[in-house]
């Protein structure tokens, strides 16, 4: 028997679908039932209490914001960051005092 004949015979005996069927049906029956084949893992739920957004700001405003954050950190507010400072500022805005040419 030639090497080619031997490979073909081996391929017929070790057909991937047959081997998987036997192993999943008996040898790995408990594992197959617990873990379905070809299922993608569930994605974690997205948080509903906040959203990540993108805003445009002038570089000068960003420098000013970063300077304020650094000043707060220098005063001991170690958790100060851009988002926290903007959230604080939103709470302080008096809409009646906002200029019309905003």
PDB file of N, CA and C in Angstrom:
ATOM      1  N   UNK A   1       0.843  -1.169   0.000  1.00  0.00           N
ATOM      2  CA  UNK A   1       0.000   0.000   0.000  1.00  0.00           C
ATOM      3  C   UNK A   1       0.898   1.244   0.000  1.00  0.00           C
ATOM      4  N   UNK A   2       0.575   2.191  -0.878  1.00  0.00           N
ATOM      5  CA  UNK A   2       1.391   3.409  -0.981  1.00  0.00           C
ATOM      6  C   UNK A   2       1.058   4.371   0.159  1.00  0.00           C
ATOM      7  N   UNK A   3       1.909   5.344   0.324  1.00  0.00           N
ATOM      8  CA  UNK A   3       1.692   6.344   1.376  1.00  0.00           C
ATOM      9  C   UNK A   3       0.406   7.123   1.116  1.00  0.00           C
ATOM     10  N   UNK A   4       0.144   7.397  -0.146  1.00  0.00           N
ATOM     11  CA  UNK A   4      -1.076   8.127  -0.520  1.00  0.00           C
ATOM     12  C   UNK A   4      -2.316   7.312  -0.170  1.00  0.00           C
ATOM     13  N   UNK A   5      -2.292   6.012  -0.474  1.00  0.00           N
ATOM     14  CA  UNK A   5      -3.422   5.145  -0.135  1.00  0.00           C
ATOM     15  C   UNK A   5      -3.637   5.104   1.373  1.00  0.00           C
ATOM     16  N   UNK A   6      -2.532   5.067   2.106  1.00  0.00           N
ATOM     17  CA  UNK A   6      -2.609   5.027   3.560  1.00  0.00           C
ATOM     18  C   UNK A   6      -3.244   6.302   4.117  1.00  0.00           C
ATOM     19  N   UNK A   7      -2.890   7.448   3.567  1.00  0.00           N
ATOM     20  CA  UNK A   7      -3.476   8.728   3.998  1.00  0.00           C
ATOM     21  C   UNK A   7      -4.966   8.766   3.708  1.00  0.00           C
ATOM     22  N   UNK A   8      -5.352   8.321   2.529  1.00  0.00           N
ATOM     23  CA  UNK A   8      -6.776   8.330   2.174  1.00  0.00           C
ATOM     24  C   UNK A   8      -7.572   7.400   3.077  1.00  0.00           C
ATOM     25  N   UNK A   9      -7.032   6.233   3.362  1.00  0.00           N
ATOM     26  CA  UNK A   9      -7.713   5.292   4.241  1.00  0.00           C
ATOM     27  C   UNK A   9      -7.841   5.872   5.646  1.00  0.00           C
ATOM     28  N   UNK A  10      -6.781   6.497   6.114  1.00  0.00           N
ATOM     29  CA  UNK A  10      -6.806   7.111   7.440  1.00  0.00           C
ATOM     30  C   UNK A  10      -7.851   8.227   7.479  1.00  0.00           C
ATOM     31  N   UNK A  11      -7.917   9.031   6.419  1.00  0.00           N
ATOM     32  CA  UNK A  11      -8.891  10.121   6.360  1.00  0.00           C
ATOM     33  C   UNK A  11     -10.310   9.579   6.400  1.00  0.00           C
ATOM     34  N   UNK A  12     -10.569   8.443   5.734  1.00  0.00           N
ATOM     35  CA  UNK A  12     -11.906   7.840   5.747  1.00  0.00           C
ATOM     36  C   UNK A  12     -12.257   7.328   7.145  1.00  0.00           C
ATOM     37  N   UNK A  13     -11.298   6.721   7.814  1.00  0.00           N
ATOM     38  CA  UNK A  13     -11.541   6.173   9.146  1.00  0.00           C
ATOM     39  C   UNK A  13     -11.693   7.294  10.173  1.00  0.00           C
ATOM     40  N   UNK A  14     -10.870   8.326  10.061  1.00  0.00           N
ATOM     41  CA  UNK A  14     -10.872   9.420  11.032  1.00  0.00           C
ATOM     42  C   UNK A  14     -11.628  10.643  10.522  1.00  0.00           C
ATOM     43  N   UNK A  15     -12.767  10.426   9.906  1.00  0.00           N
ATOM     44  CA  UNK A  15     -13.589  11.531   9.422  1.00  0.00           C
ATOM     45  C   UNK A  15     -13.945  12.441  10.603  1.00  0.00           C
ATOM     46  N   UNK A  16     -13.639  13.712  10.470  1.00  0.00           N
ATOM     47  CA  UNK A  16     -13.821  14.661  11.570  1.00  0.00           C
ATOM     48  C   UNK A  16     -15.228  14.710  12.117  1.00  0.00           C
ATOM     49  N   UNK A  17     -16.232  14.702  11.243  1.00  0.00           N
ATOM     50  CA  UNK A  17     -17.619  14.757  11.697  1.00  0.00           C
ATOM     51  C   UNK A  17     -18.006  13.530  12.496  1.00  0.00           C
ATOM     52  N   UNK A  18     -17.561  12.373  12.037  1.00  0.00           N
ATOM     53  CA  UNK A  18     -17.871  11.135  12.759  1.00  0.00           C
ATOM     54  C   UNK A  18     -17.206  11.114  14.123  1.00  0.00           C
ATOM     55  N   UNK A  19     -15.938  11.482  14.170  1.00  0.00           N
ATOM     56  CA  UNK A  19     -15.209  11.476  15.435  1.00  0.00           C
ATOM     57  C   UNK A  19     -15.858  12.453  16.412  1.00  0.00           C
ATOM     58  N   UNK A  20     -16.164  13.662  15.959  1.00  0.00           N
ATOM     59  CA  UNK A  20     -16.813  14.639  16.832  1.00  0.00           C
ATOM     60  C   UNK A  20     -18.163  14.134  17.318  1.00  0.00           C
ATOM     61  N   UNK A  21     -18.921  13.523  16.433  1.00  0.00           N
ATOM     62  CA  UNK A  21     -20.233  13.001  16.811  1.00  0.00           C
ATOM     63  C   UNK A  21     -20.131  11.942  17.883  1.00  0.00           C
ATOM     64  N   UNK A  22     -19.184  11.034  17.747  1.00  0.00           N
ATOM     65  CA  UNK A  22     -19.006   9.979  18.747  1.00  0.00           C
ATOM     66  C   UNK A  22     -18.544  10.564  20.070  1.00  0.00           C
ATOM     67  N   UNK A  23     -17.536  11.416  20.017  1.00  0.00           N
ATOM     68  CA  UNK A  23     -17.015  11.990  21.256  1.00  0.00           C
ATOM     69  C   UNK A  23     -18.053  12.848  21.966  1.00  0.00           C
ATOM     70  N   UNK A  24     -18.775  13.683  21.224  1.00  0.00           N
ATOM     71  CA  UNK A  24     -19.785  14.540  21.841  1.00  0.00           C
ATOM     72  C   UNK A  24     -20.984  13.747  22.324  1.00  0.00           C
ATOM     73  N   UNK A  25     -21.303  12.653  21.638  1.00  0.00           N
ATOM     74  CA  UNK A  25     -22.460  11.861  22.012  1.00  0.00           C
ATOM     75  C   UNK A  25     -22.210  10.940  23.189  1.00  0.00           C
ATOM     76  N   UNK A  26     -20.952  10.598  23.452  1.00  0.00           N
ATOM     77  CA  UNK A  26     -20.704   9.665  24.553  1.00  0.00           C
ATOM     78  C   UNK A  26     -19.591  10.148  25.472  1.00  0.00           C
ATOM     79  N   UNK A  27     -18.394  10.248  24.955  1.00  0.00           N
ATOM     80  CA  UNK A  27     -17.242  10.554  25.804  1.00  0.00           C
ATOM     81  C   UNK A  27     -17.348  11.922  26.461  1.00  0.00           C
ATOM     82  N   UNK A  28     -17.743  12.935  25.664  1.00  0.00           N
ATOM     83  CA  UNK A  28     -17.852  14.299  26.190  1.00  0.00           C
ATOM     84  C   UNK A  28     -19.314  14.707  26.376  1.00  0.00           C
ATOM     85  N   UNK A  29     -20.208  13.768  26.584  1.00  0.00           N
ATOM     86  CA  UNK A  29     -21.640  14.065  26.651  1.00  0.00           C
ATOM     87  C   UNK A  29     -21.956  15.097  27.734  1.00  0.00           C
ATOM     88  N   UNK A  30     -21.406  14.946  28.917  1.00  0.00           N
ATOM     89  CA  UNK A  30     -21.692  15.903  29.994  1.00  0.00           C
ATOM     90  C   UNK A  30     -21.125  17.281  29.692  1.00  0.00           C
ATOM     91  N   UNK A  31     -19.921  17.321  29.153  1.00  0.00           N
ATOM     92  CA  UNK A  31     -19.305  18.607  28.821  1.00  0.00           C
ATOM     93  C   UNK A  31     -20.062  19.283  27.687  1.00  0.00           C
ATOM     94  N   UNK A  32     -20.518  18.501  26.699  1.00  0.00           N
ATOM     95  CA  UNK A  32     -21.247  19.077  25.566  1.00  0.00           C
ATOM     96  C   UNK A  32     -22.576  19.654  26.023  1.00  0.00           C
ATOM     97  N   UNK A  33     -23.225  19.007  26.962  1.00  0.00           N
ATOM     98  CA  UNK A  33     -24.504  19.513  27.454  1.00  0.00           C
ATOM     99  C   UNK A  33     -24.304  20.796  28.254  1.00  0.00           C
ATOM    100  N   UNK A  34     -23.211  20.870  28.971  1.00  0.00           N
ATOM    101  CA  UNK A  34     -22.956  22.046  29.803  1.00  0.00           C
ATOM    102  C   UNK A  34     -22.459  23.225  28.982  1.00  0.00           C
ATOM    103  N   UNK A  35     -21.785  22.950  27.886  1.00  0.00           N
ATOM    104  CA  UNK A  35     -21.168  24.013  27.099  1.00  0.00           C
ATOM    105  C   UNK A  35     -21.471  23.775  25.621  1.00  0.00           C
ATOM    106  N   UNK A  36     -22.532  24.398  25.075  1.00  0.00           N
ATOM    107  CA  UNK A  36     -22.874  24.188  23.672  1.00  0.00           C
ATOM    108  C   UNK A  36     -21.731  24.590  22.738  1.00  0.00           C
ATOM    109  N   UNK A  37     -21.587  23.852  21.671  1.00  0.00           N
ATOM    110  CA  UNK A  37     -20.523  24.087  20.701  1.00  0.00           C
ATOM    111  C   UNK A  37     -20.872  25.289  19.830  1.00  0.00           C
ATOM    112  N   UNK A  38     -19.859  26.078  19.484  1.00  0.00           N
ATOM    113  CA  UNK A  38     -19.973  27.213  18.560  1.00  0.00           C
ATOM    114  C   UNK A  38     -20.902  28.319  19.053  1.00  0.00           C
ATOM    115  N   UNK A  39     -21.023  28.510  20.345  1.00  0.00           N
ATOM    116  CA  UNK A  39     -21.780  29.644  20.848  1.00  0.00           C
ATOM    117  C   UNK A  39     -20.808  30.695  21.327  1.00  0.00           C
ATOM    118  N   UNK A  40     -21.075  31.935  20.966  1.00  0.00           N
ATOM    119  CA  UNK A  40     -20.226  33.025  21.418  1.00  0.00           C
ATOM    120  C   UNK A  40     -20.574  33.338  22.866  1.00  0.00           C
ATOM    121  N   UNK A  41     -19.594  33.713  23.664  1.00  0.00           N
ATOM    122  CA  UNK A  41     -19.875  34.029  25.068  1.00  0.00           C
ATOM    123  C   UNK A  41     -20.780  35.245  25.176  1.00  0.00           C
ATOM    124  N   UNK A  42     -21.607  35.270  26.194  1.00  0.00           N
ATOM    125  CA  UNK A  42     -22.524  36.385  26.401  1.00  0.00           C
ATOM    126  C   UNK A  42     -21.723  37.650  26.719  1.00  0.00           C
ATOM    127  N   UNK A  43     -22.141  38.758  26.118  1.00  0.00           N
ATOM    128  CA  UNK A  43     -21.486  40.038  26.385  1.00  0.00           C
ATOM    129  C   UNK A  43     -22.017  40.597  27.695  1.00  0.00           C
ATOM    130  N   UNK A  44     -21.144  41.227  28.462  1.00  0.00           N
ATOM    131  CA  UNK A  44     -21.623  41.825  29.703  1.00  0.00           C
ATOM    132  C   UNK A  44     -22.604  42.958  29.397  1.00  0.00           C
ATOM    133  N   UNK A  45     -23.560  43.142  30.264  1.00  0.00           N
ATOM    134  CA  UNK A  45     -24.559  44.194  30.069  1.00  0.00           C
ATOM    135  C   UNK A  45     -23.886  45.561  30.126  1.00  0.00           C
ATOM    136  N   UNK A  46     -24.329  46.446  29.247  1.00  0.00           N
ATOM    137  CA  UNK A  46     -23.797  47.805  29.247  1.00  0.00           C
ATOM    138  C   UNK A  46     -24.374  48.562  30.435  1.00  0.00           C
ATOM    139  N   UNK A  47     -23.563  49.410  31.051  1.00  0.00           N
ATOM    140  CA  UNK A  47     -24.095  50.172  32.184  1.00  0.00           C
ATOM    141  C   UNK A  47     -25.179  51.131  31.704  1.00  0.00           C
ATOM    142  N   UNK A  48     -26.213  51.280  32.497  1.00  0.00           N
ATOM    143  CA  UNK A  48     -27.303  52.174  32.097  1.00  0.00           C
ATOM    144  C   UNK A  48     -27.249  53.506  32.842  1.00  0.00           C
ATOM    145  N   UNK A  49     -26.354  53.642  33.821  1.00  0.00           N
ATOM    146  CA  UNK A  49     -26.311  54.865  34.613  1.00  0.00           C
ATOM    147  C   UNK A  49     -25.357  55.917  34.052  1.00  0.00           C
ATOM    148  N   UNK A  50     -24.645  55.602  33.001  1.00  0.00           N
ATOM    149  CA  UNK A  50     -23.810  56.602  32.350  1.00  0.00           C
ATOM    150  C   UNK A  50     -23.542  56.198  30.902  1.00  0.00           C
ATOM    151  N   UNK A  51     -23.117  57.162  30.105  1.00  0.00           N
ATOM    152  CA  UNK A  51     -22.749  56.912  28.715  1.00  0.00           C
ATOM    153  C   UNK A  51     -21.431  57.615  28.426  1.00  0.00           C
ATOM    154  N   UNK A  52     -20.642  56.998  27.588  1.00  0.00           N
ATOM    155  CA  UNK A  52     -19.405  57.618  27.137  1.00  0.00           C
ATOM    156  C   UNK A  52     -19.760  58.451  25.912  1.00  0.00           C
ATOM    157  N   UNK A  53     -19.357  59.720  25.932  1.00  0.00           N
ATOM    158  CA  UNK A  53     -19.662  60.615  24.822  1.00  0.00           C
ATOM    159  C   UNK A  53     -18.378  61.263  24.314  1.00  0.00           C
ATOM    160  N   UNK A  54     -18.499  61.911  23.195  1.00  0.00           N
ATOM    161  CA  UNK A  54     -17.369  62.648  22.631  1.00  0.00           C
ATOM    162  C   UNK A  54     -17.833  64.077  22.389  1.00  0.00           C
ATOM    163  N   UNK A  55     -17.093  65.038  22.911  1.00  0.00           N
ATOM    164  CA  UNK A  55     -17.418  66.443  22.683  1.00  0.00           C
ATOM    165  C   UNK A  55     -16.192  67.157  22.134  1.00  0.00           C
ATOM    166  N   UNK A  56     -16.428  68.243  21.464  1.00  0.00           N
ATOM    167  CA  UNK A  56     -15.335  69.066  20.945  1.00  0.00           C
ATOM    168  C   UNK A  56     -15.107  70.238  21.883  1.00  0.00           C
ATOM    169  N   UNK A  57     -13.847  70.485  22.165  1.00  0.00           N
ATOM    170  CA  UNK A  57     -13.495  71.635  22.995  1.00  0.00           C
ATOM    171  C   UNK A  57     -12.254  72.286  22.402  1.00  0.00           C
ATOM    172  N   UNK A  58     -12.175  73.582  22.555  1.00  0.00           N
ATOM    173  CA  UNK A  58     -10.990  74.289  22.103  1.00  0.00           C
ATOM    174  C   UNK A  58      -9.812  73.895  22.993  1.00  0.00           C
ATOM    175  N   UNK A  59      -8.629  73.876  22.414  1.00  0.00           N
ATOM    176  CA  UNK A  59      -7.442  73.458  23.164  1.00  0.00           C
ATOM    177  C   UNK A  59      -7.201  74.367  24.373  1.00  0.00           C
ATOM    178  N   UNK A  60      -7.494  75.642  24.232  1.00  0.00           N
ATOM    179  CA  UNK A  60      -7.318  76.564  25.354  1.00  0.00           C
ATOM    180  C   UNK A  60      -8.262  76.206  26.503  1.00  0.00           C
ATOM    181  N   UNK A  61      -9.506  75.835  26.157  1.00  0.00           N
ATOM    182  CA  UNK A  61     -10.466  75.426  27.194  1.00  0.00           C
ATOM    183  C   UNK A  61     -10.008  74.136  27.875  1.00  0.00           C
ATOM    184  N   UNK A  62      -9.445  73.217  27.113  1.00  0.00           N
ATOM    185  CA  UNK A  62      -8.931  71.970  27.693  1.00  0.00           C
ATOM    186  C   UNK A  62      -7.762  72.242  28.628  1.00  0.00           C
ATOM    187  N   UNK A  63      -6.881  73.166  28.226  1.00  0.00           N
ATOM    188  CA  UNK A  63      -5.768  73.520  29.106  1.00  0.00           C
ATOM    189  C   UNK A  63      -6.289  74.121  30.410  1.00  0.00           C
ATOM    190  N   UNK A  64      -7.298  74.980  30.293  1.00  0.00           N
ATOM    191  CA  UNK A  64      -7.899  75.598  31.486  1.00  0.00           C
ATOM    192  C   UNK A  64      -8.541  74.529  32.372  1.00  0.00           C
ATOM    193  N   UNK A  65      -9.276  73.608  31.763  1.00  0.00           N
ATOM    194  CA  UNK A  65      -9.916  72.521  32.501  1.00  0.00           C
ATOM    195  C   UNK A  65      -8.872  71.649  33.195  1.00  0.00           C
ATOM    196  N   UNK A  66      -7.830  71.288  32.456  1.00  0.00           N
ATOM    197  CA  UNK A  66      -6.764  70.466  33.044  1.00  0.00           C
ATOM    198  C   UNK A  66      -6.052  71.198  34.177  1.00  0.00           C
ATOM    199  N   UNK A  67      -5.874  72.507  34.037  1.00  0.00           N
ATOM    200  CA  UNK A  67      -5.267  73.299  35.103  1.00  0.00           C
ATOM    201  C   UNK A  67      -6.125  73.293  36.359  1.00  0.00           C
ATOM    202  N   UNK A  68      -7.444  73.377  36.173  1.00  0.00           N
ATOM    203  CA  UNK A  68      -8.355  73.336  37.311  1.00  0.00           C
ATOM    204  C   UNK A  68      -8.308  71.967  37.995  1.00  0.00           C
ATOM    205  N   UNK A  69      -8.250  70.916  37.190  1.00  0.00           N
ATOM    206  CA  UNK A  69      -8.165  69.560  37.748  1.00  0.00           C
ATOM    207  C   UNK A  69      -6.880  69.415  38.553  1.00  0.00           C
ATOM    208  N   UNK A  70      -5.781  69.889  38.018  1.00  0.00           N
ATOM    209  CA  UNK A  70      -4.498  69.799  38.733  1.00  0.00           C
ATOM    210  C   UNK A  70      -4.529  70.615  40.024  1.00  0.00           C
ATOM    211  N   UNK A  71      -5.184  71.781  39.997  1.00  0.00           N
ATOM    212  CA  UNK A  71      -5.295  72.597  41.211  1.00  0.00           C
ATOM    213  C   UNK A  71      -6.109  71.860  42.276  1.00  0.00           C
ATOM    214  N   UNK A  72      -7.188  71.203  41.857  1.00  0.00           N
ATOM    215  CA  UNK A  72      -7.998  70.432  42.803  1.00  0.00           C
ATOM    216  C   UNK A  72      -7.205  69.265  43.383  1.00  0.00           C
ATOM    217  N   UNK A  73      -6.443  68.601  42.531  1.00  0.00           N
ATOM    218  CA  UNK A  73      -5.608  67.504  43.018  1.00  0.00           C
ATOM    219  C   UNK A  73      -4.566  68.015  44.001  1.00  0.00           C
ATOM    220  N   UNK A  74      -4.017  69.201  43.723  1.00  0.00           N
ATOM    221  CA  UNK A  74      -3.045  69.811  44.619  1.00  0.00           C
ATOM    222  C   UNK A  74      -3.654  70.156  45.975  1.00  0.00           C
ATOM    223  N   UNK A  75      -4.968  70.339  46.010  1.00  0.00           N
ATOM    224  CA  UNK A  75      -5.672  70.625  47.263  1.00  0.00           C
ATOM    225  C   UNK A  75      -6.101  69.338  47.984  1.00  0.00           C
ATOM    226  N   UNK A  76      -5.712  68.195  47.412  1.00  0.00           N
ATOM    227  CA  UNK A  76      -6.015  66.936  48.081  1.00  0.00           C
ATOM    228  C   UNK A  76      -7.196  66.168  47.512  1.00  0.00           C
ATOM    229  N   UNK A  77      -7.844  66.702  46.501  1.00  0.00           N
ATOM    230  CA  UNK A  77      -8.956  65.978  45.873  1.00  0.00           C
ATOM    231  C   UNK A  77      -8.372  65.029  44.822  1.00  0.00           C
ATOM    232  N   UNK A  78      -7.866  63.901  45.267  1.00  0.00           N
ATOM    233  CA  UNK A  78      -7.110  62.994  44.394  1.00  0.00           C
ATOM    234  C   UNK A  78      -7.955  62.365  43.290  1.00  0.00           C
ATOM    235  N   UNK A  79      -9.269  62.336  43.465  1.00  0.00           N
ATOM    236  CA  UNK A  79     -10.133  61.734  42.441  1.00  0.00           C
ATOM    237  C   UNK A  79     -10.633  62.750  41.423  1.00  0.00           C
ATOM    238  N   UNK A  80     -10.149  63.975  41.507  1.00  0.00           N
ATOM    239  CA  UNK A  80     -10.574  65.008  40.559  1.00  0.00           C
ATOM    240  C   UNK A  80     -10.150  64.623  39.150  1.00  0.00           C
ATOM    241  N   UNK A  81     -11.051  64.837  38.192  1.00  0.00           N
ATOM    242  CA  UNK A  81     -10.749  64.601  36.779  1.00  0.00           C
ATOM    243  C   UNK A  81     -11.657  65.471  35.931  1.00  0.00           C
ATOM    244  N   UNK A  82     -11.462  65.451  34.637  1.00  0.00           N
ATOM    245  CA  UNK A  82     -12.252  66.293  33.740  1.00  0.00           C
ATOM    246  C   UNK A  82     -13.750  66.049  33.909  1.00  0.00           C
ATOM    247  N   UNK A  83     -14.143  64.779  33.865  1.00  0.00           N
ATOM    248  CA  UNK A  83     -15.570  64.441  33.937  1.00  0.00           C
ATOM    249  C   UNK A  83     -16.189  64.922  35.238  1.00  0.00           C
ATOM    250  N   UNK A  84     -15.510  64.686  36.349  1.00  0.00           N
ATOM    251  CA  UNK A  84     -16.051  65.085  37.644  1.00  0.00           C
ATOM    252  C   UNK A  84     -16.217  66.600  37.725  1.00  0.00           C
ATOM    253  N   UNK A  85     -15.245  67.331  37.219  1.00  0.00           N
ATOM    254  CA  UNK A  85     -15.319  68.791  37.270  1.00  0.00           C
ATOM    255  C   UNK A  85     -16.440  69.311  36.368  1.00  0.00           C
ATOM    256  N   UNK A  86     -16.595  68.725  35.195  1.00  0.00           N
ATOM    257  CA  UNK A  86     -17.684  69.137  34.297  1.00  0.00           C
ATOM    258  C   UNK A  86     -19.036  68.806  34.931  1.00  0.00           C
ATOM    259  N   UNK A  87     -19.164  67.645  35.568  1.00  0.00           N
ATOM    260  CA  UNK A  87     -20.425  67.301  36.241  1.00  0.00           C
ATOM    261  C   UNK A  87     -20.736  68.299  37.359  1.00  0.00           C
ATOM    262  N   UNK A  88     -19.713  68.676  38.111  1.00  0.00           N
ATOM    263  CA  UNK A  88     -19.915  69.665  39.170  1.00  0.00           C
ATOM    264  C   UNK A  88     -20.370  70.998  38.567  1.00  0.00           C
ATOM    265  N   UNK A  89     -19.703  71.418  37.507  1.00  0.00           N
ATOM    266  CA  UNK A  89     -20.037  72.694  36.877  1.00  0.00           C
ATOM    267  C   UNK A  89     -21.472  72.686  36.346  1.00  0.00           C
ATOM    268  N   UNK A  90     -21.924  71.550  35.818  1.00  0.00           N
ATOM    269  CA  UNK A  90     -23.306  71.461  35.330  1.00  0.00           C
ATOM    270  C   UNK A  90     -24.309  71.717  36.446  1.00  0.00           C
ATOM    271  N   UNK A  91     -23.989  71.246  37.614  1.00  0.00           N
ATOM    272  CA  UNK A  91     -24.876  71.453  38.751  1.00  0.00           C
ATOM    273  C   UNK A  91     -24.906  72.889  39.236  1.00  0.00           C
ATOM    274  N   UNK A  92     -23.903  73.656  38.885  1.00  0.00           N
ATOM    275  CA  UNK A  92     -23.800  75.051  39.333  1.00  0.00           C
ATOM    276  C   UNK A  92     -24.330  76.056  38.318  1.00  0.00           C
ATOM    277  N   UNK A  93     -24.672  75.626  37.139  1.00  0.00           N
ATOM    278  CA  UNK A  93     -25.100  76.550  36.078  1.00  0.00           C
ATOM    279  C   UNK A  93     -26.484  77.120  36.400  1.00  0.00           C
ATOM    280  N   UNK A  94     -26.599  78.448  36.303  1.00  0.00           N
ATOM    281  CA  UNK A  94     -27.886  79.129  36.429  1.00  0.00           C
ATOM    282  C   UNK A  94     -28.318  79.489  35.014  1.00  0.00           C
ATOM    283  N   UNK A  95     -29.301  78.776  34.494  1.00  0.00           N
ATOM    284  CA  UNK A  95     -29.719  78.971  33.102  1.00  0.00           C
ATOM    285  C   UNK A  95     -30.228  80.393  32.828  1.00  0.00           C
ATOM    286  N   UNK A  96     -30.708  81.065  33.847  1.00  0.00           N
ATOM    287  CA  UNK A  96     -31.178  82.441  33.664  1.00  0.00           C
ATOM    288  C   UNK A  96     -30.024  83.404  33.447  1.00  0.00           C
ATOM    289  N   UNK A  97     -28.815  83.008  33.814  1.00  0.00           N
ATOM    290  CA  UNK A  97     -27.653  83.873  33.666  1.00  0.00           C
ATOM    291  C   UNK A  97     -26.819  83.548  32.430  1.00  0.00           C
ATOM    292  N   UNK A  98     -27.206  82.542  31.649  1.00  0.00           N
ATOM    293  CA  UNK A  98     -26.446  82.158  30.450  1.00  0.00           C
ATOM    294  C   UNK A  98     -26.680  83.230  29.382  1.00  0.00           C
ATOM    295  N   UNK A  99     -25.588  83.774  28.815  1.00  0.00           N
ATOM    296  CA  UNK A  99     -25.752  84.813  27.795  1.00  0.00           C
ATOM    297  C   UNK A  99     -26.406  84.283  26.520  1.00  0.00           C
ATOM    298  N   UNK A 100     -27.153  85.149  25.840  1.00  0.00           N
ATOM    299  CA  UNK A 100     -27.874  84.741  24.630  1.00  0.00           C
ATOM    300  C   UNK A 100     -26.956  84.347  23.499  1.00  0.00           C
ATOM    301  N   UNK A 101     -25.793  84.890  23.434  1.00  0.00           N
ATOM    302  CA  UNK A 101     -24.865  84.594  22.342  1.00  0.00           C
ATOM    303  C   UNK A 101     -24.009  83.365  22.599  1.00  0.00           C
ATOM    304  N   UNK A 102     -24.425  82.541  23.502  1.00  0.00           N
ATOM    305  CA  UNK A 102     -23.673  81.352  23.899  1.00  0.00           C
ATOM    306  C   UNK A 102     -23.059  80.705  22.689  1.00  0.00           C
TER     307      UNK A 102
END
